[in-house]
């Protein structure tokens, strides 16, 4: 295998807003402009994450027949309660998703789409300065690797290897493509785009390389990790799947 080729950009300049909007509201020109104006502030991986969190809020609005541009502060508060009490998201997840909602409405006010932001005074959950989550012990990691190896889904083991043996974050693991595999100085490597869109080359231990090869199978290109529909595995679903192993 040759040297890693330059990575293709995640988004092209001509990407259309309807990819973010639920199908029920893709004909709303004003909402399209508001979404496009907000997402234009992001690029590469940061834009992918912003799109995902904004899409979740827009879907929540559509499911309740609520026009996002006509939402009130109490309705935005209800979105927070839904994330906390129905979806049972962690405070850090709720805070992250709400930062996108707040930013979306703030940009809509700046661009003259709205007169004021309904999210300006919403109460967000307190996030601890230090994460209370502890890492896995050696025995726990061994048990997780064993369970993933025995799973009927070949992507489970590849995911656990990327997380547990390479130390990747979930969004870094799910964002890897087959084109990111390469060779440097005789060593097999994986190109990973981390926080701040920083790119690093990580040497692959043989066990991890074999797990990735098994996951890739005969696919010539595309994502390394796929979901049951054959699309790229989403970070939040990957986290849920890991917890069920």
C-alpha atoms as a PDB file:
ATOM      1  CA  UNK A   1       0.000   0.000   0.000  1.00  0.00           C
ATOM      2  CA  UNK A   2       1.380   3.426  -0.940  1.00  0.00           C
ATOM      3  CA  UNK A   3       1.624   6.606   1.031  1.00  0.00           C
ATOM      4  CA  UNK A   4      -1.570   8.184   2.306  1.00  0.00           C
ATOM      5  CA  UNK A   5      -3.158  10.353  -0.407  1.00  0.00           C
ATOM      6  CA  UNK A   6      -4.291  13.880   0.470  1.00  0.00           C
ATOM      7  CA  UNK A   7      -7.627  13.729   2.230  1.00  0.00           C
ATOM      8  CA  UNK A   8     -10.620  14.955   0.320  1.00  0.00           C
ATOM      9  CA  UNK A   9     -12.590  17.755   2.025  1.00  0.00           C
ATOM     10  CA  UNK A  10     -15.556  16.566   4.032  1.00  0.00           C
ATOM     11  CA  UNK A  11     -17.884  19.139   2.452  1.00  0.00           C
ATOM     12  CA  UNK A  12     -17.873  20.861  -0.857  1.00  0.00           C
ATOM     13  CA  UNK A  13     -18.605  24.535  -1.170  1.00  0.00           C
ATOM     14  CA  UNK A  14     -21.822  23.763  -2.977  1.00  0.00           C
ATOM     15  CA  UNK A  15     -23.382  21.562  -0.309  1.00  0.00           C
ATOM     16  CA  UNK A  16     -27.068  22.348  -0.013  1.00  0.00           C
ATOM     17  CA  UNK A  17     -28.928  23.133   3.179  1.00  0.00           C
ATOM     18  CA  UNK A  18     -31.757  20.593   2.587  1.00  0.00           C
ATOM     19  CA  UNK A  19     -29.302  17.851   3.620  1.00  0.00           C
ATOM     20  CA  UNK A  20     -29.648  19.256   7.144  1.00  0.00           C
ATOM     21  CA  UNK A  21     -33.357  20.099   7.051  1.00  0.00           C
ATOM     22  CA  UNK A  22     -35.992  17.401   7.611  1.00  0.00           C
ATOM     23  CA  UNK A  23     -37.855  16.677   4.372  1.00  0.00           C
ATOM     24  CA  UNK A  24     -41.053  18.208   5.772  1.00  0.00           C
ATOM     25  CA  UNK A  25     -39.533  21.715   5.847  1.00  0.00           C
ATOM     26  CA  UNK A  26     -37.134  21.742   2.902  1.00  0.00           C
ATOM     27  CA  UNK A  27     -39.506  24.141   1.100  1.00  0.00           C
ATOM     28  CA  UNK A  28     -39.104  26.798   3.801  1.00  0.00           C
ATOM     29  CA  UNK A  29     -36.856  29.330   2.092  1.00  0.00           C
ATOM     30  CA  UNK A  30     -36.383  31.482   5.198  1.00  0.00           C
ATOM     31  CA  UNK A  31     -35.375  28.489   7.307  1.00  0.00           C
ATOM     32  CA  UNK A  32     -32.962  27.350   4.603  1.00  0.00           C
ATOM     33  CA  UNK A  33     -31.298  30.748   4.670  1.00  0.00           C
ATOM     34  CA  UNK A  34     -31.078  30.729   8.465  1.00  0.00           C
ATOM     35  CA  UNK A  35     -29.495  27.260   8.529  1.00  0.00           C
ATOM     36  CA  UNK A  36     -27.072  28.076   5.716  1.00  0.00           C
ATOM     37  CA  UNK A  37     -26.048  31.330   7.412  1.00  0.00           C
ATOM     38  CA  UNK A  38     -25.261  29.517  10.651  1.00  0.00           C
ATOM     39  CA  UNK A  39     -23.433  26.513   9.170  1.00  0.00           C
ATOM     40  CA  UNK A  40     -21.282  28.817   7.053  1.00  0.00           C
ATOM     41  CA  UNK A  41     -19.421  29.634  10.273  1.00  0.00           C
ATOM     42  CA  UNK A  42     -18.044  26.082  10.441  1.00  0.00           C
ATOM     43  CA  UNK A  43     -15.825  23.930   8.268  1.00  0.00           C
ATOM     44  CA  UNK A  44     -14.693  20.300   7.968  1.00  0.00           C
ATOM     45  CA  UNK A  45     -15.289  18.137  11.060  1.00  0.00           C
ATOM     46  CA  UNK A  46     -16.697  21.005  13.130  1.00  0.00           C
ATOM     47  CA  UNK A  47     -19.359  21.554  10.483  1.00  0.00           C
ATOM     48  CA  UNK A  48     -20.277  17.868  10.469  1.00  0.00           C
ATOM     49  CA  UNK A  49     -20.892  17.945  14.223  1.00  0.00           C
ATOM     50  CA  UNK A  50     -22.827  21.221  14.054  1.00  0.00           C
ATOM     51  CA  UNK A  51     -25.013  19.807  11.285  1.00  0.00           C
ATOM     52  CA  UNK A  52     -25.784  16.700  13.324  1.00  0.00           C
ATOM     53  CA  UNK A  53     -26.800  18.613  16.450  1.00  0.00           C
ATOM     54  CA  UNK A  54     -28.819  21.199  14.523  1.00  0.00           C
ATOM     55  CA  UNK A  55     -30.563  18.466  12.527  1.00  0.00           C
ATOM     56  CA  UNK A  56     -31.608  16.803  15.808  1.00  0.00           C
ATOM     57  CA  UNK A  57     -33.247  20.029  17.021  1.00  0.00           C
ATOM     58  CA  UNK A  58     -34.994  20.691  13.704  1.00  0.00           C
ATOM     59  CA  UNK A  59     -36.328  17.123  13.676  1.00  0.00           C
ATOM     60  CA  UNK A  60     -37.637  17.596  17.236  1.00  0.00           C
ATOM     61  CA  UNK A  61     -39.469  20.741  16.082  1.00  0.00           C
ATOM     62  CA  UNK A  62     -40.947  19.048  13.006  1.00  0.00           C
ATOM     63  CA  UNK A  63     -42.178  16.075  15.034  1.00  0.00           C
ATOM     64  CA  UNK A  64     -44.139  18.552  17.165  1.00  0.00           C
ATOM     65  CA  UNK A  65     -45.365  20.617  14.200  1.00  0.00           C
ATOM     66  CA  UNK A  66     -43.369  23.566  15.477  1.00  0.00           C
ATOM     67  CA  UNK A  67     -41.808  26.105  13.124  1.00  0.00           C
ATOM     68  CA  UNK A  68     -38.216  26.521  14.419  1.00  0.00           C
ATOM     69  CA  UNK A  69     -38.299  30.211  13.506  1.00  0.00           C
ATOM     70  CA  UNK A  70     -41.512  30.701  15.513  1.00  0.00           C
ATOM     71  CA  UNK A  71     -40.355  28.833  18.637  1.00  0.00           C
ATOM     72  CA  UNK A  72     -40.630  30.527  22.029  1.00  0.00           C
ATOM     73  CA  UNK A  73     -38.318  30.291  25.028  1.00  0.00           C
ATOM     74  CA  UNK A  74     -40.603  27.807  26.881  1.00  0.00           C
ATOM     75  CA  UNK A  75     -40.583  25.550  23.818  1.00  0.00           C
ATOM     76  CA  UNK A  76     -36.789  25.593  23.672  1.00  0.00           C
ATOM     77  CA  UNK A  77     -36.811  24.758  27.391  1.00  0.00           C
ATOM     78  CA  UNK A  78     -39.041  21.776  26.573  1.00  0.00           C
ATOM     79  CA  UNK A  79     -36.381  20.570  24.130  1.00  0.00           C
ATOM     80  CA  UNK A  80     -33.870  20.573  26.977  1.00  0.00           C
ATOM     81  CA  UNK A  81     -36.274  18.671  29.246  1.00  0.00           C
ATOM     82  CA  UNK A  82     -36.866  16.139  26.435  1.00  0.00           C
ATOM     83  CA  UNK A  83     -33.140  15.521  26.061  1.00  0.00           C
ATOM     84  CA  UNK A  84     -32.744  15.138  29.819  1.00  0.00           C
ATOM     85  CA  UNK A  85     -35.849  13.137  30.753  1.00  0.00           C
ATOM     86  CA  UNK A  86     -36.781  11.207  27.596  1.00  0.00           C
ATOM     87  CA  UNK A  87     -33.451  10.656  25.869  1.00  0.00           C
ATOM     88  CA  UNK A  88     -31.544  10.740  29.184  1.00  0.00           C
ATOM     89  CA  UNK A  89     -28.536  12.468  27.650  1.00  0.00           C
ATOM     90  CA  UNK A  90     -25.607  13.409  29.862  1.00  0.00           C
ATOM     91  CA  UNK A  91     -25.333  17.078  30.916  1.00  0.00           C
ATOM     92  CA  UNK A  92     -22.320  17.496  28.603  1.00  0.00           C
ATOM     93  CA  UNK A  93     -24.336  16.238  25.609  1.00  0.00           C
ATOM     94  CA  UNK A  94     -27.309  18.466  26.428  1.00  0.00           C
ATOM     95  CA  UNK A  95     -25.026  21.469  26.865  1.00  0.00           C
ATOM     96  CA  UNK A  96     -23.227  20.773  23.579  1.00  0.00           C
ATOM     97  CA  UNK A  97     -26.455  20.395  21.613  1.00  0.00           C
ATOM     98  CA  UNK A  98     -27.904  23.518  23.167  1.00  0.00           C
ATOM     99  CA  UNK A  99     -24.800  25.526  22.281  1.00  0.00           C
ATOM    100  CA  UNK A 100     -25.633  24.763  18.646  1.00  0.00           C
ATOM    101  CA  UNK A 101     -29.277  25.797  19.096  1.00  0.00           C
ATOM    102  CA  UNK A 102     -28.247  29.009  20.865  1.00  0.00           C
ATOM    103  CA  UNK A 103     -25.715  29.772  18.147  1.00  0.00           C
ATOM    104  CA  UNK A 104     -28.271  29.089  15.413  1.00  0.00           C
ATOM    105  CA  UNK A 105     -30.776  31.555  16.850  1.00  0.00           C
ATOM    106  CA  UNK A 106     -28.096  34.144  17.652  1.00  0.00           C
ATOM    107  CA  UNK A 107     -26.917  34.039  14.027  1.00  0.00           C
ATOM    108  CA  UNK A 108     -30.524  34.312  12.823  1.00  0.00           C
ATOM    109  CA  UNK A 109     -30.858  37.548  14.824  1.00  0.00           C
ATOM    110  CA  UNK A 110     -27.550  38.892  13.460  1.00  0.00           C
ATOM    111  CA  UNK A 111     -28.668  38.114   9.904  1.00  0.00           C
ATOM    112  CA  UNK A 112     -32.033  39.800  10.428  1.00  0.00           C
ATOM    113  CA  UNK A 113     -34.073  36.607  10.118  1.00  0.00           C
ATOM    114  CA  UNK A 114     -35.412  36.999  13.687  1.00  0.00           C
ATOM    115  CA  UNK A 115     -35.876  40.012  15.935  1.00  0.00           C
ATOM    116  CA  UNK A 116     -34.822  38.167  19.067  1.00  0.00           C
ATOM    117  CA  UNK A 117     -33.535  34.741  20.064  1.00  0.00           C
ATOM    118  CA  UNK A 118     -35.896  32.371  21.923  1.00  0.00           C
ATOM    119  CA  UNK A 119     -32.843  30.549  23.289  1.00  0.00           C
ATOM    120  CA  UNK A 120     -31.187  33.603  24.810  1.00  0.00           C
ATOM    121  CA  UNK A 121     -32.315  32.991  28.392  1.00  0.00           C
ATOM    122  CA  UNK A 122     -32.809  29.217  28.475  1.00  0.00           C
ATOM    123  CA  UNK A 123     -31.380  27.368  31.468  1.00  0.00           C
ATOM    124  CA  UNK A 124     -28.710  24.893  30.442  1.00  0.00           C
ATOM    125  CA  UNK A 125     -27.508  22.062  32.701  1.00  0.00           C
ATOM    126  CA  UNK A 126     -24.349  22.515  34.718  1.00  0.00           C
ATOM    127  CA  UNK A 127     -21.430  20.561  33.332  1.00  0.00           C
ATOM    128  CA  UNK A 128     -18.727  19.480  35.830  1.00  0.00           C
ATOM    129  CA  UNK A 129     -15.322  21.077  35.217  1.00  0.00           C
ATOM    130  CA  UNK A 130     -13.784  17.607  35.368  1.00  0.00           C
ATOM    131  CA  UNK A 131     -15.373  14.563  33.782  1.00  0.00           C
ATOM    132  CA  UNK A 132     -16.589  12.014  36.383  1.00  0.00           C
ATOM    133  CA  UNK A 133     -16.274   9.229  33.800  1.00  0.00           C
ATOM    134  CA  UNK A 134     -13.489   6.767  34.533  1.00  0.00           C
ATOM    135  CA  UNK A 135     -11.631   4.775  31.915  1.00  0.00           C
ATOM    136  CA  UNK A 136     -11.918   1.007  31.622  1.00  0.00           C
ATOM    137  CA  UNK A 137      -9.695  -1.220  33.687  1.00  0.00           C
ATOM    138  CA  UNK A 138      -7.468  -3.728  31.911  1.00  0.00           C
ATOM    139  CA  UNK A 139      -9.902  -6.550  32.695  1.00  0.00           C
ATOM    140  CA  UNK A 140     -12.894  -4.530  31.509  1.00  0.00           C
ATOM    141  CA  UNK A 141     -11.151  -3.735  28.237  1.00  0.00           C
ATOM    142  CA  UNK A 142     -10.297  -7.404  27.738  1.00  0.00           C
ATOM    143  CA  UNK A 143     -13.926  -8.353  28.367  1.00  0.00           C
ATOM    144  CA  UNK A 144     -15.130  -5.698  25.911  1.00  0.00           C
ATOM    145  CA  UNK A 145     -12.693  -6.868  23.239  1.00  0.00           C
ATOM    146  CA  UNK A 146     -13.815 -10.469  23.731  1.00  0.00           C
ATOM    147  CA  UNK A 147     -17.500  -9.555  23.453  1.00  0.00           C
ATOM    148  CA  UNK A 148     -16.870  -7.455  20.352  1.00  0.00           C
ATOM    149  CA  UNK A 149     -14.783 -10.208  18.738  1.00  0.00           C
ATOM    150  CA  UNK A 150     -17.658 -12.659  19.222  1.00  0.00           C
ATOM    151  CA  UNK A 151     -20.275 -10.234  17.878  1.00  0.00           C
ATOM    152  CA  UNK A 152     -22.005 -11.114  14.608  1.00  0.00           C
ATOM    153  CA  UNK A 153     -21.450  -7.509  13.509  1.00  0.00           C
ATOM    154  CA  UNK A 154     -17.852  -7.283  12.256  1.00  0.00           C
ATOM    155  CA  UNK A 155     -17.834  -3.523  12.771  1.00  0.00           C
ATOM    156  CA  UNK A 156     -18.184  -3.930  16.553  1.00  0.00           C
ATOM    157  CA  UNK A 157     -14.694  -5.348  16.941  1.00  0.00           C
ATOM    158  CA  UNK A 158     -13.167  -2.750  14.626  1.00  0.00           C
ATOM    159  CA  UNK A 159     -14.844   0.033  16.629  1.00  0.00           C
ATOM    160  CA  UNK A 160     -13.657  -1.319  19.986  1.00  0.00           C
ATOM    161  CA  UNK A 161     -10.110  -1.708  18.627  1.00  0.00           C
ATOM    162  CA  UNK A 162     -10.083   1.900  17.446  1.00  0.00           C
ATOM    163  CA  UNK A 163     -11.394   3.154  20.785  1.00  0.00           C
ATOM    164  CA  UNK A 164      -9.664   0.817  23.213  1.00  0.00           C
ATOM    165  CA  UNK A 165      -6.370   0.029  21.505  1.00  0.00           C
ATOM    166  CA  UNK A 166      -5.723   3.231  19.560  1.00  0.00           C
ATOM    167  CA  UNK A 167      -7.394   5.571  22.071  1.00  0.00           C
ATOM    168  CA  UNK A 168      -9.513   7.396  19.505  1.00  0.00           C
ATOM    169  CA  UNK A 169     -12.568   9.427  20.395  1.00  0.00           C
ATOM    170  CA  UNK A 170     -15.845   8.063  19.039  1.00  0.00           C
ATOM    171  CA  UNK A 171     -16.237  10.840  16.465  1.00  0.00           C
ATOM    172  CA  UNK A 172     -12.653  10.229  15.320  1.00  0.00           C
ATOM    173  CA  UNK A 173     -13.278   6.496  14.901  1.00  0.00           C
ATOM    174  CA  UNK A 174     -16.566   6.887  13.041  1.00  0.00           C
ATOM    175  CA  UNK A 175     -15.056   9.573  10.820  1.00  0.00           C
ATOM    176  CA  UNK A 176     -12.336   7.317   9.396  1.00  0.00           C
ATOM    177  CA  UNK A 177     -12.427   6.302   5.729  1.00  0.00           C
ATOM    178  CA  UNK A 178     -10.763   3.480   3.818  1.00  0.00           C
ATOM    179  CA  UNK A 179      -8.718   6.154   2.019  1.00  0.00           C
ATOM    180  CA  UNK A 180      -7.222   7.130   5.403  1.00  0.00           C
ATOM    181  CA  UNK A 181      -5.286   3.853   5.561  1.00  0.00           C
ATOM    182  CA  UNK A 182      -1.761   4.099   4.222  1.00  0.00           C
ATOM    183  CA  UNK A 183       1.894   3.393   4.848  1.00  0.00           C
ATOM    184  CA  UNK A 184       4.647   5.590   6.226  1.00  0.00           C
ATOM    185  CA  UNK A 185       8.290   4.495   6.565  1.00  0.00           C
ATOM    186  CA  UNK A 186       7.311   0.846   6.224  1.00  0.00           C
ATOM    187  CA  UNK A 187       4.605   1.040   8.887  1.00  0.00           C
ATOM    188  CA  UNK A 188       0.890   0.794   8.269  1.00  0.00           C
ATOM    189  CA  UNK A 189      -0.841   3.961   9.514  1.00  0.00           C
ATOM    190  CA  UNK A 190      -4.286   5.490   9.856  1.00  0.00           C
ATOM    191  CA  UNK A 191      -4.928   9.170   9.240  1.00  0.00           C
ATOM    192  CA  UNK A 192      -7.190  10.614  11.929  1.00  0.00           C
ATOM    193  CA  UNK A 193      -8.791  14.055  12.061  1.00  0.00           C
ATOM    194  CA  UNK A 194      -9.195  15.106  15.689  1.00  0.00           C
ATOM    195  CA  UNK A 195     -10.426  18.162  17.551  1.00  0.00           C
ATOM    196  CA  UNK A 196      -9.702  21.432  15.842  1.00  0.00           C
ATOM    197  CA  UNK A 197      -9.430  19.538  12.547  1.00  0.00           C
ATOM    198  CA  UNK A 198      -5.884  18.500  13.439  1.00  0.00           C
ATOM    199  CA  UNK A 199      -4.670  15.565  11.362  1.00  0.00           C
ATOM    200  CA  UNK A 200      -2.314  12.924  12.753  1.00  0.00           C
ATOM    201  CA  UNK A 201      -0.940   9.620  11.442  1.00  0.00           C
ATOM    202  CA  UNK A 202      -1.296   6.774  13.940  1.00  0.00           C
ATOM    203  CA  UNK A 203       0.699   3.531  13.492  1.00  0.00           C
ATOM    204  CA  UNK A 204      -1.569   0.481  13.406  1.00  0.00           C
ATOM    205  CA  UNK A 205      -0.738  -2.520  15.586  1.00  0.00           C
ATOM    206  CA  UNK A 206      -1.213  -5.769  13.605  1.00  0.00           C
ATOM    207  CA  UNK A 207      -4.312  -6.750  15.608  1.00  0.00           C
ATOM    208  CA  UNK A 208      -6.014  -3.435  14.850  1.00  0.00           C
ATOM    209  CA  UNK A 209      -5.039  -3.656  11.189  1.00  0.00           C
ATOM    210  CA  UNK A 210      -6.584  -7.113  10.909  1.00  0.00           C
ATOM    211  CA  UNK A 211      -9.785  -5.899  12.589  1.00  0.00           C
ATOM    212  CA  UNK A 212     -10.055  -3.005  10.134  1.00  0.00           C
ATOM    213  CA  UNK A 213      -9.373  -5.271   7.148  1.00  0.00           C
ATOM    214  CA  UNK A 214     -12.155  -7.599   8.313  1.00  0.00           C
ATOM    215  CA  UNK A 215     -14.529  -4.666   8.707  1.00  0.00           C
ATOM    216  CA  UNK A 216     -13.665  -3.256   5.267  1.00  0.00           C
ATOM    217  CA  UNK A 217     -14.025  -6.584   3.465  1.00  0.00           C
ATOM    218  CA  UNK A 218     -14.373  -6.035  -0.273  1.00  0.00           C
ATOM    219  CA  UNK A 219     -15.355  -2.351  -0.076  1.00  0.00           C
ATOM    220  CA  UNK A 220     -12.983  -0.319  -2.279  1.00  0.00           C
ATOM    221  CA  UNK A 221     -13.701   3.017  -0.627  1.00  0.00           C
ATOM    222  CA  UNK A 222     -16.006   4.861   1.763  1.00  0.00           C
ATOM    223  CA  UNK A 223     -16.267   4.769   5.575  1.00  0.00           C
ATOM    224  CA  UNK A 224     -14.487   2.032   7.520  1.00  0.00           C
ATOM    225  CA  UNK A 225     -17.352   1.664  10.019  1.00  0.00           C
ATOM    226  CA  UNK A 226     -20.866   1.146   8.664  1.00  0.00           C
ATOM    227  CA  UNK A 227     -24.275   0.850  10.283  1.00  0.00           C
ATOM    228  CA  UNK A 228     -26.907  -1.776   9.470  1.00  0.00           C
ATOM    229  CA  UNK A 229     -28.130   0.252   6.496  1.00  0.00           C
ATOM    230  CA  UNK A 230     -24.667   0.372   4.985  1.00  0.00           C
ATOM    231  CA  UNK A 231     -24.182   4.071   5.781  1.00  0.00           C
ATOM    232  CA  UNK A 232     -21.463   5.649   7.893  1.00  0.00           C
ATOM    233  CA  UNK A 233     -21.788   4.752  11.562  1.00  0.00           C
ATOM    234  CA  UNK A 234     -22.948   7.753  13.605  1.00  0.00           C
ATOM    235  CA  UNK A 235     -21.031   8.628  16.765  1.00  0.00           C
ATOM    236  CA  UNK A 236     -24.049   8.615  19.111  1.00  0.00           C
ATOM    237  CA  UNK A 237     -25.214   5.219  17.794  1.00  0.00           C
ATOM    238  CA  UNK A 238     -21.694   3.841  18.048  1.00  0.00           C
ATOM    239  CA  UNK A 239     -21.652   4.871  21.711  1.00  0.00           C
ATOM    240  CA  UNK A 240     -24.989   3.104  22.292  1.00  0.00           C
ATOM    241  CA  UNK A 241     -23.762  -0.020  20.557  1.00  0.00           C
ATOM    242  CA  UNK A 242     -20.618  -0.087  22.635  1.00  0.00           C
ATOM    243  CA  UNK A 243     -22.665   0.040  25.824  1.00  0.00           C
ATOM    244  CA  UNK A 244     -24.704  -3.002  24.772  1.00  0.00           C
ATOM    245  CA  UNK A 245     -21.671  -5.231  24.208  1.00  0.00           C
END
